Amino acid sequence: MPHLATSVGARESPAFQKAYWRAFEKTFGEQNSHMIKAMLLSKVKKGDTGETELDRVCLGLRMTMGWLAEAIERTALEESGYGDSTSTSAKPQARVA
């Protein structure tokens, strides 16, 4: 399953990446998010859509908690200005945070 962000052209967006980590931390909590990120990075050496930490963490989340991975990504898409994340035809309206 590809990233939701890939389908709307947000994957390389700095605004999306910043929003992703903000949503990740908000979901797991400030202290837990660091531990969960480290655990996922140690388990997943290569992402299915790339080799960045975000790619690896997202794949690890999808492997263990698919529903939560999608929720975090949808939140990040909305917060980074990519409009309605339920539509794969949404046009990027990225805003710089």
C-alpha atoms as a PDB file:
ATOM      1  CA  MET A   1       0.000   0.000   0.000  1.00  0.00           C
ATOM      2  CA  PRO A   2       1.581   3.309  -1.020  1.00  0.00           C
ATOM      3  CA  HIS A   3       1.649   6.342   1.192  1.00  0.00           C
ATOM      4  CA  LEU A   4      -1.469   8.485   0.996  1.00  0.00           C
ATOM      5  CA  ALA A   5       0.932  11.399   0.574  1.00  0.00           C
ATOM      6  CA  THR A   6       2.369   9.870  -2.618  1.00  0.00           C
ATOM      7  CA  SER A   7      -1.025   9.811  -4.291  1.00  0.00           C
ATOM      8  CA  VAL A   8      -1.514  13.565  -3.752  1.00  0.00           C
ATOM      9  CA  GLY A   9       2.085  14.609  -4.437  1.00  0.00           C
ATOM     10  CA  ALA A  10       2.934  15.519  -0.833  1.00  0.00           C
ATOM     11  CA  ARG A  11       5.577  12.898  -0.041  1.00  0.00           C
ATOM     12  CA  GLU A  12       8.567  15.183  -0.687  1.00  0.00           C
ATOM     13  CA  SER A  13       6.922  18.269   0.837  1.00  0.00           C
ATOM     14  CA  PRO A  14       8.787  19.699   3.847  1.00  0.00           C
ATOM     15  CA  ALA A  15       5.445  20.955   5.197  1.00  0.00           C
ATOM     16  CA  PHE A  16       3.995  17.434   5.032  1.00  0.00           C
ATOM     17  CA  GLN A  17       7.085  15.867   6.611  1.00  0.00           C
ATOM     18  CA  LYS A  18       7.006  18.352   9.490  1.00  0.00           C
ATOM     19  CA  ALA A  19       3.268  17.765   9.960  1.00  0.00           C
ATOM     20  CA  TYR A  20       3.803  13.983   9.871  1.00  0.00           C
ATOM     21  CA  TRP A  21       6.241  14.039  12.776  1.00  0.00           C
ATOM     22  CA  ARG A  22       3.990  16.457  14.675  1.00  0.00           C
ATOM     23  CA  ALA A  23       1.000  14.109  14.187  1.00  0.00           C
ATOM     24  CA  PHE A  24       3.144  11.093  15.115  1.00  0.00           C
ATOM     25  CA  GLU A  25       4.232  12.749  18.375  1.00  0.00           C
ATOM     26  CA  LYS A  26       0.699  13.932  19.120  1.00  0.00           C
ATOM     27  CA  THR A  27      -0.595  10.376  18.622  1.00  0.00           C
ATOM     28  CA  PHE A  28       1.960   8.585  20.812  1.00  0.00           C
ATOM     29  CA  GLY A  29       2.945  11.346  23.221  1.00  0.00           C
ATOM     30  CA  GLU A  30       6.200  13.256  23.495  1.00  0.00           C
ATOM     31  CA  GLN A  31       8.176  10.582  25.346  1.00  0.00           C
ATOM     32  CA  ASN A  32       6.594   7.478  23.808  1.00  0.00           C
ATOM     33  CA  SER A  33       6.972   8.714  20.245  1.00  0.00           C
ATOM     34  CA  HIS A  34      10.781   8.629  20.478  1.00  0.00           C
ATOM     35  CA  MET A  35      10.766   5.063  21.739  1.00  0.00           C
ATOM     36  CA  ILE A  36       8.243   3.883  19.155  1.00  0.00           C
ATOM     37  CA  LYS A  37      10.144   5.614  16.343  1.00  0.00           C
ATOM     38  CA  ALA A  38      13.410   3.971  17.459  1.00  0.00           C
ATOM     39  CA  MET A  39      11.720   0.571  17.712  1.00  0.00           C
ATOM     40  CA  LEU A  40      10.242   0.856  14.221  1.00  0.00           C
ATOM     41  CA  LEU A  41      13.520   2.086  12.714  1.00  0.00           C
ATOM     42  CA  SER A  42      15.403  -0.849  14.249  1.00  0.00           C
ATOM     43  CA  LYS A  43      12.849  -3.286  12.847  1.00  0.00           C
ATOM     44  CA  VAL A  44      12.450  -1.802   9.351  1.00  0.00           C
ATOM     45  CA  LYS A  45      15.746  -1.291   7.520  1.00  0.00           C
ATOM     46  CA  LYS A  46      14.221  -0.187   4.194  1.00  0.00           C
ATOM     47  CA  GLY A  47      10.861   1.369   3.451  1.00  0.00           C
ATOM     48  CA  ASP A  48       8.699   0.206   0.593  1.00  0.00           C
ATOM     49  CA  THR A  49       8.402   3.714  -0.862  1.00  0.00           C
ATOM     50  CA  GLY A  50      11.875   5.036  -0.040  1.00  0.00           C
ATOM     51  CA  GLU A  51      14.674   4.957   2.478  1.00  0.00           C
ATOM     52  CA  THR A  52      13.955   7.979   4.676  1.00  0.00           C
ATOM     53  CA  GLU A  53      13.057   7.639   8.342  1.00  0.00           C
ATOM     54  CA  LEU A  54       9.503   8.653   7.484  1.00  0.00           C
ATOM     55  CA  ASP A  55       9.267   5.866   4.864  1.00  0.00           C
ATOM     56  CA  ARG A  56      10.635   3.290   7.300  1.00  0.00           C
ATOM     57  CA  VAL A  57       8.457   4.397  10.230  1.00  0.00           C
ATOM     58  CA  CYS A  58       5.349   4.534   8.060  1.00  0.00           C
ATOM     59  CA  LEU A  59       5.978   1.003   6.748  1.00  0.00           C
ATOM     60  CA  GLY A  60       6.590  -0.265  10.268  1.00  0.00           C
ATOM     61  CA  LEU A  61       3.341   1.304  11.433  1.00  0.00           C
ATOM     62  CA  ARG A  62       1.424  -0.131   8.499  1.00  0.00           C
ATOM     63  CA  MET A  63       2.880  -3.584   9.256  1.00  0.00           C
ATOM     64  CA  THR A  64       1.870  -3.435  12.914  1.00  0.00           C
ATOM     65  CA  MET A  65      -1.031  -0.958  13.087  1.00  0.00           C
ATOM     66  CA  GLY A  66      -2.284  -0.164   9.581  1.00  0.00           C
ATOM     67  CA  TRP A  67      -5.320   1.801  10.728  1.00  0.00           C
ATOM     68  CA  LEU A  68      -3.179   4.084  12.886  1.00  0.00           C
ATOM     69  CA  ALA A  69      -0.578   4.651  10.166  1.00  0.00           C
ATOM     70  CA  GLU A  70      -3.303   5.910   7.836  1.00  0.00           C
ATOM     71  CA  ALA A  71      -4.817   8.138  10.521  1.00  0.00           C
ATOM     72  CA  ILE A  72      -1.452   9.809  11.218  1.00  0.00           C
ATOM     73  CA  GLU A  73      -0.804  10.348   7.516  1.00  0.00           C
ATOM     74  CA  ARG A  74      -4.300  11.781   6.920  1.00  0.00           C
ATOM     75  CA  THR A  75      -3.809  14.217   9.802  1.00  0.00           C
ATOM     76  CA  ALA A  76      -0.442  15.313   8.392  1.00  0.00           C
ATOM     77  CA  LEU A  77      -1.924  15.809   4.910  1.00  0.00           C
ATOM     78  CA  GLU A  78      -4.690  17.999   6.279  1.00  0.00           C
ATOM     79  CA  GLU A  79      -2.347  20.016   8.516  1.00  0.00           C
ATOM     80  CA  SER A  80       0.160  20.585   5.700  1.00  0.00           C
ATOM     81  CA  GLY A  81      -2.474  21.999   3.355  1.00  0.00           C
ATOM     82  CA  TYR A  82      -3.139  19.092   1.016  1.00  0.00           C
ATOM     83  CA  GLY A  83      -6.877  19.484   1.373  1.00  0.00           C
ATOM     84  CA  ASP A  84      -9.308  16.606   1.663  1.00  0.00           C
ATOM     85  CA  SER A  85      -7.095  13.589   2.275  1.00  0.00           C
ATOM     86  CA  THR A  86      -9.930  11.189   1.497  1.00  0.00           C
ATOM     87  CA  SER A  87      -9.631  12.012  -2.178  1.00  0.00           C
ATOM     88  CA  THR A  88      -6.653  10.747  -4.155  1.00  0.00           C
ATOM     89  CA  SER A  89      -7.201  13.477  -6.724  1.00  0.00           C
ATOM     90  CA  ALA A  90      -6.732  16.346  -4.263  1.00  0.00           C
ATOM     91  CA  LYS A  91      -4.456  19.024  -5.639  1.00  0.00           C
ATOM     92  CA  PRO A  92      -1.619  20.150  -3.406  1.00  0.00           C
ATOM     93  CA  GLN A  93      -2.269  23.440  -1.671  1.00  0.00           C
ATOM     94  CA  ALA A  94       0.754  23.206   0.565  1.00  0.00           C
ATOM     95  CA  ARG A  95       1.434  26.017   2.954  1.00  0.00           C
ATOM     96  CA  VAL A  96       4.759  26.535   4.600  1.00  0.00           C
ATOM     97  CA  ALA A  97       4.610  26.261   8.375  1.00  0.00           C
END
